[in-house]
Amino acid sequence: MAHTLDEGSSTPLYAQLRDLLKRQIDKGEFVPGQRIPSEDKLNGLYGVSRITVRRALQELVNEGYLVKCPGKGTYVRARASDIEPPSKIRAKFTQDNDVQSFTKACESNGQRAGARLLSCDEVPAFDEAREFLGLGPEDRLLRVMRIRTANRMPIMVEENYFPAKTFGFLREADFEDTSLYDIVVAHGHSEPMLNEPCALDLEKAPAEMAPYLDVPAGEPLFCLAGHYYGADGSPMYLGKLHIVGTRYTFRI
């Protein structure tokens, strides 16, 4: 970023920084879904106060250029001109538990599936995971959380829990715009399967999740929870999908 701010200008520094970042977004230097530099980084680049940086970012949030994701950072928001006119994803969900992957559901609807990693971190095992995966008292889980998009519109947040010992390769996996099933299969495992009914519930979008889905906190979401198995019937992972109900339809 070979740009400077003019301290002698009649235009306030926050407005100069706001306009500079806006031009970079408009020019594609920052693309939708990309995290912009942190407040500390912007402070160091331009030599302005934290208050100045925060005001510039907040104005860009207010104007719809950026979205803040608590605990994660500030991201370029997909603007209306960048998103193809959305239509609902219609996904197959049959009574024999043959649930279409999101990528295949998008393909069958003529839309492009996308993915962006939110986190891949190790967490303590909880009771349901211990029982299903047969974990010992010292075993831990890898939690993988991603945003899934269709034609760049956010549709759901994936929340998956894998045994850390068996699926350690996920720490180095490239999750961007990639099918989770493909990643698992590429590392010698079978395609995940559902051998028992899923649980489909309604929930309200938590405040920390709502920005990722571009919905207000409290927006009704589907929550689809399932136990996934390998082809040999061995437990593989637990998964939850937090789905924007107005953008997704289950065909039962």
C-alpha atoms as a PDB file:
ATOM      1  CA  MET A   1       0.000   0.000   0.000  1.00  0.00           C
ATOM      2  CA  ALA A   2       2.078   2.914  -1.271  1.00  0.00           C
ATOM      3  CA  HIS A   3      -0.410   5.527  -0.078  1.00  0.00           C
ATOM      4  CA  THR A   4      -0.081   8.374   2.394  1.00  0.00           C
ATOM      5  CA  LEU A   5      -2.499  10.601   4.237  1.00  0.00           C
ATOM      6  CA  ASP A   6      -2.169  14.390   4.143  1.00  0.00           C
ATOM      7  CA  GLU A   7      -2.133  15.796   7.659  1.00  0.00           C
ATOM      8  CA  GLY A   8      -2.286  19.330   6.251  1.00  0.00           C
ATOM      9  CA  SER A   9      -5.465  18.714   4.303  1.00  0.00           C
ATOM     10  CA  SER A  10      -8.793  20.197   5.318  1.00  0.00           C
ATOM     11  CA  THR A  11     -10.248  16.696   4.907  1.00  0.00           C
ATOM     12  CA  PRO A  12     -10.123  14.853   8.260  1.00  0.00           C
ATOM     13  CA  LEU A  13      -7.706  11.928   8.436  1.00  0.00           C
ATOM     14  CA  TYR A  14     -10.510   9.415   9.105  1.00  0.00           C
ATOM     15  CA  ALA A  15     -12.278  10.564   5.923  1.00  0.00           C
ATOM     16  CA  GLN A  16      -9.038  10.284   3.920  1.00  0.00           C
ATOM     17  CA  LEU A  17      -8.488   6.751   5.199  1.00  0.00           C
ATOM     18  CA  ARG A  18     -12.136   5.847   4.561  1.00  0.00           C
ATOM     19  CA  ASP A  19     -11.956   7.087   0.980  1.00  0.00           C
ATOM     20  CA  LEU A  20      -8.597   5.405   0.383  1.00  0.00           C
ATOM     21  CA  LEU A  21      -9.920   2.023   1.530  1.00  0.00           C
ATOM     22  CA  LYS A  22     -13.099   2.548  -0.469  1.00  0.00           C
ATOM     23  CA  ARG A  23     -11.072   3.153  -3.641  1.00  0.00           C
ATOM     24  CA  GLN A  24      -9.037   0.019  -2.985  1.00  0.00           C
ATOM     25  CA  ILE A  25     -12.235  -2.021  -2.632  1.00  0.00           C
ATOM     26  CA  ASP A  26     -13.755  -0.499  -5.772  1.00  0.00           C
ATOM     27  CA  LYS A  27     -10.563  -1.271  -7.716  1.00  0.00           C
ATOM     28  CA  GLY A  28     -10.554  -4.881  -6.521  1.00  0.00           C
ATOM     29  CA  GLU A  29      -7.422  -4.558  -4.381  1.00  0.00           C
ATOM     30  CA  PHE A  30      -9.594  -6.000  -1.631  1.00  0.00           C
ATOM     31  CA  VAL A  31     -12.182  -8.493  -2.876  1.00  0.00           C
ATOM     32  CA  PRO A  32     -15.496  -9.569  -1.314  1.00  0.00           C
ATOM     33  CA  GLY A  33     -14.914 -11.967   1.563  1.00  0.00           C
ATOM     34  CA  GLN A  34     -11.311 -10.838   2.071  1.00  0.00           C
ATOM     35  CA  ARG A  35     -10.180  -9.700   5.488  1.00  0.00           C
ATOM     36  CA  ILE A  36      -8.724  -6.199   5.468  1.00  0.00           C
ATOM     37  CA  PRO A  37      -5.647  -5.320   7.563  1.00  0.00           C
ATOM     38  CA  SER A  38      -6.203  -5.143  11.311  1.00  0.00           C
ATOM     39  CA  GLU A  39      -6.587  -1.856  13.169  1.00  0.00           C
ATOM     40  CA  ASP A  40      -3.008  -2.187  14.420  1.00  0.00           C
ATOM     41  CA  LYS A  41      -1.728  -2.791  10.890  1.00  0.00           C
ATOM     42  CA  LEU A  42      -3.615   0.208   9.498  1.00  0.00           C
ATOM     43  CA  ASN A  43      -2.346   2.290  12.383  1.00  0.00           C
ATOM     44  CA  GLY A  44       1.221   1.335  11.538  1.00  0.00           C
ATOM     45  CA  LEU A  45       0.782   1.855   7.793  1.00  0.00           C
ATOM     46  CA  TYR A  46      -0.703   5.311   7.998  1.00  0.00           C
ATOM     47  CA  GLY A  47       0.511   6.643  11.350  1.00  0.00           C
ATOM     48  CA  VAL A  48      -2.934   7.601  12.592  1.00  0.00           C
ATOM     49  CA  SER A  49      -4.617   6.971  15.913  1.00  0.00           C
ATOM     50  CA  ARG A  50      -6.717   3.935  16.687  1.00  0.00           C
ATOM     51  CA  ILE A  51      -9.757   6.216  17.019  1.00  0.00           C
ATOM     52  CA  THR A  52      -9.174   7.498  13.479  1.00  0.00           C
ATOM     53  CA  VAL A  53      -8.917   3.954  12.118  1.00  0.00           C
ATOM     54  CA  ARG A  54     -12.038   2.809  13.939  1.00  0.00           C
ATOM     55  CA  ARG A  55     -14.108   5.742  12.688  1.00  0.00           C
ATOM     56  CA  ALA A  56     -12.988   5.149   9.089  1.00  0.00           C
ATOM     57  CA  LEU A  57     -13.863   1.447   9.317  1.00  0.00           C
ATOM     58  CA  GLN A  58     -17.208   2.108  10.992  1.00  0.00           C
ATOM     59  CA  GLU A  59     -18.213   4.506   8.233  1.00  0.00           C
ATOM     60  CA  LEU A  60     -17.361   1.858   5.638  1.00  0.00           C
ATOM     61  CA  VAL A  61     -19.470  -0.630   7.606  1.00  0.00           C
ATOM     62  CA  ASN A  62     -22.336   1.867   7.655  1.00  0.00           C
ATOM     63  CA  GLU A  63     -22.004   2.368   3.892  1.00  0.00           C
ATOM     64  CA  GLY A  64     -22.097  -1.375   3.235  1.00  0.00           C
ATOM     65  CA  TYR A  65     -18.493  -1.798   2.129  1.00  0.00           C
ATOM     66  CA  LEU A  66     -17.314  -3.779   5.151  1.00  0.00           C
ATOM     67  CA  VAL A  67     -18.747  -6.181   7.702  1.00  0.00           C
ATOM     68  CA  LYS A  68     -17.284  -6.744  11.162  1.00  0.00           C
ATOM     69  CA  CYS A  69     -17.090 -10.301  12.441  1.00  0.00           C
ATOM     70  CA  PRO A  70     -16.539 -10.245  16.213  1.00  0.00           C
ATOM     71  CA  GLY A  71     -13.323 -11.951  17.228  1.00  0.00           C
ATOM     72  CA  LYS A  72     -12.300 -12.537  13.595  1.00  0.00           C
ATOM     73  CA  GLY A  73     -11.727  -9.166  11.968  1.00  0.00           C
ATOM     74  CA  THR A  74     -13.276  -6.914   9.340  1.00  0.00           C
ATOM     75  CA  TYR A  75     -14.112  -8.244   5.884  1.00  0.00           C
ATOM     76  CA  VAL A  76     -15.101  -6.783   2.540  1.00  0.00           C
ATOM     77  CA  ARG A  77     -18.808  -7.249   2.131  1.00  0.00           C
ATOM     78  CA  ALA A  78     -20.303  -8.665  -1.044  1.00  0.00           C
ATOM     79  CA  ARG A  79     -22.172  -5.757  -2.555  1.00  0.00           C
ATOM     80  CA  ALA A  80     -25.360  -6.071  -4.571  1.00  0.00           C
ATOM     81  CA  SER A  81     -23.506  -5.379  -7.828  1.00  0.00           C
ATOM     82  CA  ASP A  82     -21.088  -8.236  -7.104  1.00  0.00           C
ATOM     83  CA  ILE A  83     -23.730 -10.888  -6.419  1.00  0.00           C
ATOM     84  CA  GLU A  84     -25.697 -12.653  -9.094  1.00  0.00           C
ATOM     85  CA  PRO A  85     -29.460 -12.497  -8.533  1.00  0.00           C
ATOM     86  CA  PRO A  86     -30.005 -15.162  -5.846  1.00  0.00           C
ATOM     87  CA  SER A  87     -32.458 -17.980  -6.023  1.00  0.00           C
ATOM     88  CA  LYS A  88     -33.106 -20.564  -3.378  1.00  0.00           C
ATOM     89  CA  ILE A  89     -30.911 -23.630  -3.274  1.00  0.00           C
ATOM     90  CA  ARG A  90     -33.183 -26.651  -3.516  1.00  0.00           C
ATOM     91  CA  ALA A  91     -31.416 -29.584  -1.893  1.00  0.00           C
ATOM     92  CA  LYS A  92     -32.419 -33.228  -1.910  1.00  0.00           C
ATOM     93  CA  PHE A  93     -33.199 -34.525   1.573  1.00  0.00           C
ATOM     94  CA  THR A  94     -34.830 -37.948   1.385  1.00  0.00           C
ATOM     95  CA  GLN A  95     -36.131 -40.274   4.044  1.00  0.00           C
ATOM     96  CA  ASP A  96     -33.307 -42.772   3.454  1.00  0.00           C
ATOM     97  CA  ASN A  97     -30.841 -40.136   4.719  1.00  0.00           C
ATOM     98  CA  ASP A  98     -29.379 -39.539   1.245  1.00  0.00           C
ATOM     99  CA  VAL A  99     -28.507 -35.901   1.851  1.00  0.00           C
ATOM    100  CA  GLN A 100     -26.949 -34.017  -1.052  1.00  0.00           C
ATOM    101  CA  SER A 101     -23.669 -32.248  -0.387  1.00  0.00           C
ATOM    102  CA  PHE A 102     -23.875 -28.475  -0.622  1.00  0.00           C
ATOM    103  CA  THR A 103     -21.557 -28.431  -3.624  1.00  0.00           C
ATOM    104  CA  LYS A 104     -23.735 -30.910  -5.512  1.00  0.00           C
ATOM    105  CA  ALA A 105     -26.903 -29.052  -4.490  1.00  0.00           C
ATOM    106  CA  CYS A 106     -25.482 -25.864  -5.979  1.00  0.00           C
ATOM    107  CA  GLU A 107     -24.475 -27.661  -9.168  1.00  0.00           C
ATOM    108  CA  SER A 108     -27.948 -29.118  -9.586  1.00  0.00           C
ATOM    109  CA  ASN A 109     -29.380 -25.599  -9.220  1.00  0.00           C
ATOM    110  CA  GLY A 110     -26.978 -24.042 -11.715  1.00  0.00           C
ATOM    111  CA  GLN A 111     -25.130 -22.040  -9.055  1.00  0.00           C
ATOM    112  CA  ARG A 112     -21.484 -21.827  -8.014  1.00  0.00           C
ATOM    113  CA  ALA A 113     -20.634 -23.204  -4.591  1.00  0.00           C
ATOM    114  CA  GLY A 114     -18.068 -21.293  -2.569  1.00  0.00           C
ATOM    115  CA  ALA A 115     -16.455 -21.670   0.838  1.00  0.00           C
ATOM    116  CA  ARG A 116     -14.405 -19.535   3.200  1.00  0.00           C
ATOM    117  CA  LEU A 117     -12.688 -20.857   6.289  1.00  0.00           C
ATOM    118  CA  LEU A 118     -13.597 -19.185   9.562  1.00  0.00           C
ATOM    119  CA  SER A 119     -11.543 -21.375  11.892  1.00  0.00           C
ATOM    120  CA  CYS A 120      -9.851 -24.743  12.243  1.00  0.00           C
ATOM    121  CA  ASP A 121      -8.927 -25.202  15.860  1.00  0.00           C
ATOM    122  CA  GLU A 122      -8.511 -27.904  18.468  1.00  0.00           C
ATOM    123  CA  VAL A 123     -11.165 -28.014  21.203  1.00  0.00           C
ATOM    124  CA  PRO A 124     -12.029 -30.303  24.112  1.00  0.00           C
ATOM    125  CA  ALA A 125     -14.350 -33.184  23.304  1.00  0.00           C
ATOM    126  CA  PHE A 126     -17.933 -32.876  24.515  1.00  0.00           C
ATOM    127  CA  ASP A 127     -20.111 -35.755  25.693  1.00  0.00           C
ATOM    128  CA  GLU A 128     -21.995 -36.385  22.438  1.00  0.00           C
ATOM    129  CA  ALA A 129     -18.724 -36.491  20.483  1.00  0.00           C
ATOM    130  CA  ARG A 130     -17.040 -38.812  22.991  1.00  0.00           C
ATOM    131  CA  GLU A 131     -19.936 -41.245  22.833  1.00  0.00           C
ATOM    132  CA  PHE A 132     -20.306 -41.207  19.037  1.00  0.00           C
ATOM    133  CA  LEU A 133     -16.608 -41.205  18.126  1.00  0.00           C
ATOM    134  CA  GLY A 134     -15.472 -43.472  20.951  1.00  0.00           C
ATOM    135  CA  LEU A 135     -12.983 -40.955  22.318  1.00  0.00           C
ATOM    136  CA  GLY A 136     -10.925 -41.371  25.456  1.00  0.00           C
ATOM    137  CA  PRO A 137     -10.647 -38.823  28.285  1.00  0.00           C
ATOM    138  CA  GLU A 138      -7.557 -37.188  26.765  1.00  0.00           C
ATOM    139  CA  ASP A 139      -8.741 -37.140  23.149  1.00  0.00           C
ATOM    140  CA  ARG A 140      -9.601 -33.826  21.518  1.00  0.00           C
ATOM    141  CA  LEU A 141     -11.533 -32.584  18.508  1.00  0.00           C
ATOM    142  CA  LEU A 142     -10.729 -30.489  15.476  1.00  0.00           C
ATOM    143  CA  ARG A 143     -13.506 -27.970  14.931  1.00  0.00           C
ATOM    144  CA  VAL A 144     -13.762 -26.737  11.347  1.00  0.00           C
ATOM    145  CA  MET A 145     -16.079 -23.797  10.684  1.00  0.00           C
ATOM    146  CA  ARG A 146     -16.709 -22.396   7.205  1.00  0.00           C
ATOM    147  CA  ILE A 147     -19.103 -20.087   5.420  1.00  0.00           C
ATOM    148  CA  ARG A 148     -20.723 -21.706   2.373  1.00  0.00           C
ATOM    149  CA  THR A 149     -21.931 -19.478  -0.427  1.00  0.00           C
ATOM    150  CA  ALA A 150     -23.946 -19.870  -3.630  1.00  0.00           C
ATOM    151  CA  ASN A 151     -23.100 -17.353  -6.349  1.00  0.00           C
ATOM    152  CA  ARG A 152     -21.240 -15.495  -3.578  1.00  0.00           C
ATOM    153  CA  MET A 153     -24.368 -15.184  -1.417  1.00  0.00           C
ATOM    154  CA  PRO A 154     -23.794 -16.599   2.102  1.00  0.00           C
ATOM    155  CA  ILE A 155     -26.124 -19.549   2.678  1.00  0.00           C
ATOM    156  CA  MET A 156     -24.863 -21.353   5.781  1.00  0.00           C
ATOM    157  CA  VAL A 157     -22.153 -21.775   8.380  1.00  0.00           C
ATOM    158  CA  GLU A 158     -20.720 -25.289   8.594  1.00  0.00           C
ATOM    159  CA  GLU A 159     -19.648 -26.461  12.055  1.00  0.00           C
ATOM    160  CA  ASN A 160     -17.915 -29.860  11.976  1.00  0.00           C
ATOM    161  CA  TYR A 161     -16.102 -31.833  14.683  1.00  0.00           C
ATOM    162  CA  PHE A 162     -13.469 -34.451  13.791  1.00  0.00           C
ATOM    163  CA  PRO A 163     -11.231 -36.649  16.000  1.00  0.00           C
ATOM    164  CA  ALA A 164      -8.017 -34.636  16.165  1.00  0.00           C
ATOM    165  CA  LYS A 165      -5.734 -37.693  16.020  1.00  0.00           C
ATOM    166  CA  THR A 166      -7.268 -39.169  12.871  1.00  0.00           C
ATOM    167  CA  PHE A 167      -7.989 -35.988  10.962  1.00  0.00           C
ATOM    168  CA  GLY A 168      -4.944 -33.916  11.829  1.00  0.00           C
ATOM    169  CA  PHE A 169      -4.369 -33.325   8.097  1.00  0.00           C
ATOM    170  CA  LEU A 170      -7.267 -30.856   8.180  1.00  0.00           C
ATOM    171  CA  ARG A 171      -4.995 -28.344   9.914  1.00  0.00           C
ATOM    172  CA  GLU A 172      -3.118 -27.884   6.632  1.00  0.00           C
ATOM    173  CA  ALA A 173      -6.040 -28.342   4.221  1.00  0.00           C
ATOM    174  CA  ASP A 174      -7.088 -25.683   1.728  1.00  0.00           C
ATOM    175  CA  PHE A 175     -10.747 -25.127   2.546  1.00  0.00           C
ATOM    176  CA  GLU A 176     -11.334 -22.170   0.227  1.00  0.00           C
ATOM    177  CA  ASP A 177     -14.062 -22.927  -2.347  1.00  0.00           C
ATOM    178  CA  THR A 178     -13.510 -26.646  -1.808  1.00  0.00           C
ATOM    179  CA  SER A 179     -15.865 -29.493  -0.937  1.00  0.00           C
ATOM    180  CA  LEU A 180     -15.160 -30.936   2.509  1.00  0.00           C
ATOM    181  CA  TYR A 181     -16.050 -34.357   1.117  1.00  0.00           C
ATOM    182  CA  ASP A 182     -13.339 -33.984  -1.539  1.00  0.00           C
ATOM    183  CA  ILE A 183     -10.735 -33.080   1.091  1.00  0.00           C
ATOM    184  CA  VAL A 184     -11.598 -36.110   3.208  1.00  0.00           C
ATOM    185  CA  VAL A 185     -11.579 -38.494   0.236  1.00  0.00           C
ATOM    186  CA  ALA A 186      -8.255 -37.098  -1.027  1.00  0.00           C
ATOM    187  CA  HIS A 187      -6.658 -38.170   2.272  1.00  0.00           C
ATOM    188  CA  GLY A 188      -7.690 -41.814   2.015  1.00  0.00           C
ATOM    189  CA  HIS A 189     -11.086 -41.757   3.682  1.00  0.00           C
ATOM    190  CA  SER A 190     -14.386 -42.686   2.098  1.00  0.00           C
ATOM    191  CA  GLU A 191     -17.041 -40.116   1.302  1.00  0.00           C
ATOM    192  CA  PRO A 192     -18.995 -39.310   4.486  1.00  0.00           C
ATOM    193  CA  MET A 193     -22.387 -40.965   4.811  1.00  0.00           C
ATOM    194  CA  LEU A 194     -25.448 -40.582   7.005  1.00  0.00           C
ATOM    195  CA  ASN A 195     -26.664 -43.884   8.444  1.00  0.00           C
ATOM    196  CA  GLU A 196     -29.313 -42.433  10.725  1.00  0.00           C
ATOM    197  CA  PRO A 197     -31.796 -39.553  10.625  1.00  0.00           C
ATOM    198  CA  CYS A 198     -30.544 -35.992  11.018  1.00  0.00           C
ATOM    199  CA  ALA A 199     -32.055 -33.541  13.488  1.00  0.00           C
ATOM    200  CA  LEU A 200     -33.560 -30.466  11.846  1.00  0.00           C
ATOM    201  CA  ASP A 201     -34.345 -27.647  14.256  1.00  0.00           C
ATOM    202  CA  LEU A 202     -34.957 -23.921  14.177  1.00  0.00           C
ATOM    203  CA  GLU A 203     -32.650 -21.461  15.904  1.00  0.00           C
ATOM    204  CA  LYS A 204     -31.975 -17.754  16.023  1.00  0.00           C
ATOM    205  CA  ALA A 205     -28.785 -16.422  14.466  1.00  0.00           C
ATOM    206  CA  PRO A 206     -26.352 -15.643  17.315  1.00  0.00           C
ATOM    207  CA  ALA A 207     -24.853 -12.156  17.310  1.00  0.00           C
ATOM    208  CA  GLU A 208     -21.384 -13.559  16.574  1.00  0.00           C
ATOM    209  CA  MET A 209     -22.614 -15.633  13.596  1.00  0.00           C
ATOM    210  CA  ALA A 210     -25.059 -13.198  11.991  1.00  0.00           C
ATOM    211  CA  PRO A 211     -22.405 -11.005  10.264  1.00  0.00           C
ATOM    212  CA  TYR A 212     -20.964 -14.021   8.462  1.00  0.00           C
ATOM    213  CA  LEU A 213     -24.384 -14.775   6.981  1.00  0.00           C
ATOM    214  CA  ASP A 214     -25.233 -11.130   6.307  1.00  0.00           C
ATOM    215  CA  VAL A 215     -28.416 -11.345   8.393  1.00  0.00           C
ATOM    216  CA  PRO A 216     -29.487  -9.520  11.563  1.00  0.00           C
ATOM    217  CA  ALA A 217     -28.934 -11.188  14.918  1.00  0.00           C
ATOM    218  CA  GLY A 218     -31.993 -13.264  15.750  1.00  0.00           C
ATOM    219  CA  GLU A 219     -32.744 -14.151  12.115  1.00  0.00           C
ATOM    220  CA  PRO A 220     -34.434 -17.594  11.948  1.00  0.00           C
ATOM    221  CA  LEU A 221     -32.037 -20.303  10.817  1.00  0.00           C
ATOM    222  CA  PHE A 222     -32.354 -24.011  10.134  1.00  0.00           C
ATOM    223  CA  CYS A 223     -29.939 -26.099  12.187  1.00  0.00           C
ATOM    224  CA  LEU A 224     -29.279 -29.481  10.590  1.00  0.00           C
ATOM    225  CA  ALA A 225     -27.244 -31.786  12.840  1.00  0.00           C
ATOM    226  CA  GLY A 226     -26.008 -35.217  11.818  1.00  0.00           C
ATOM    227  CA  HIS A 227     -23.612 -38.059  12.643  1.00  0.00           C
ATOM    228  CA  TYR A 228     -21.424 -38.915   9.661  1.00  0.00           C
ATOM    229  CA  TYR A 229     -19.919 -42.354   8.990  1.00  0.00           C
ATOM    230  CA  GLY A 230     -17.354 -43.895   6.673  1.00  0.00           C
ATOM    231  CA  ALA A 231     -18.305 -46.501   4.064  1.00  0.00           C
ATOM    232  CA  ASP A 232     -17.306 -49.260   6.504  1.00  0.00           C
ATOM    233  CA  GLY A 233     -19.774 -47.961   9.079  1.00  0.00           C
ATOM    234  CA  SER A 234     -17.163 -46.442  11.376  1.00  0.00           C
ATOM    235  CA  PRO A 235     -17.997 -43.034  12.927  1.00  0.00           C
ATOM    236  CA  MET A 236     -16.279 -40.177  11.088  1.00  0.00           C
ATOM    237  CA  TYR A 237     -17.428 -36.796  12.428  1.00  0.00           C
ATOM    238  CA  LEU A 238     -20.309 -34.738  13.810  1.00  0.00           C
ATOM    239  CA  GLY A 239     -21.664 -31.899  11.737  1.00  0.00           C
ATOM    240  CA  LYS A 240     -24.012 -28.961  12.128  1.00  0.00           C
ATOM    241  CA  LEU A 241     -25.255 -26.667   9.376  1.00  0.00           C
ATOM    242  CA  HIS A 242     -26.623 -23.259  10.351  1.00  0.00           C
ATOM    243  CA  ILE A 243     -28.707 -22.345   7.300  1.00  0.00           C
ATOM    244  CA  VAL A 244     -30.477 -19.121   6.323  1.00  0.00           C
ATOM    245  CA  GLY A 245     -33.999 -20.422   5.832  1.00  0.00           C
ATOM    246  CA  THR A 246     -35.000 -17.829   3.232  1.00  0.00           C
ATOM    247  CA  ARG A 247     -32.125 -18.988   0.974  1.00  0.00           C
ATOM    248  CA  TYR A 248     -32.435 -22.759   1.197  1.00  0.00           C
ATOM    249  CA  THR A 249     -35.164 -25.328   0.617  1.00  0.00           C
ATOM    250  CA  PHE A 250     -35.191 -29.029   1.530  1.00  0.00           C
ATOM    251  CA  ARG A 251     -36.915 -31.336  -0.960  1.00  0.00           C
ATOM    252  CA  ILE A 252     -38.166 -34.264   1.123  1.00  0.00           C
END
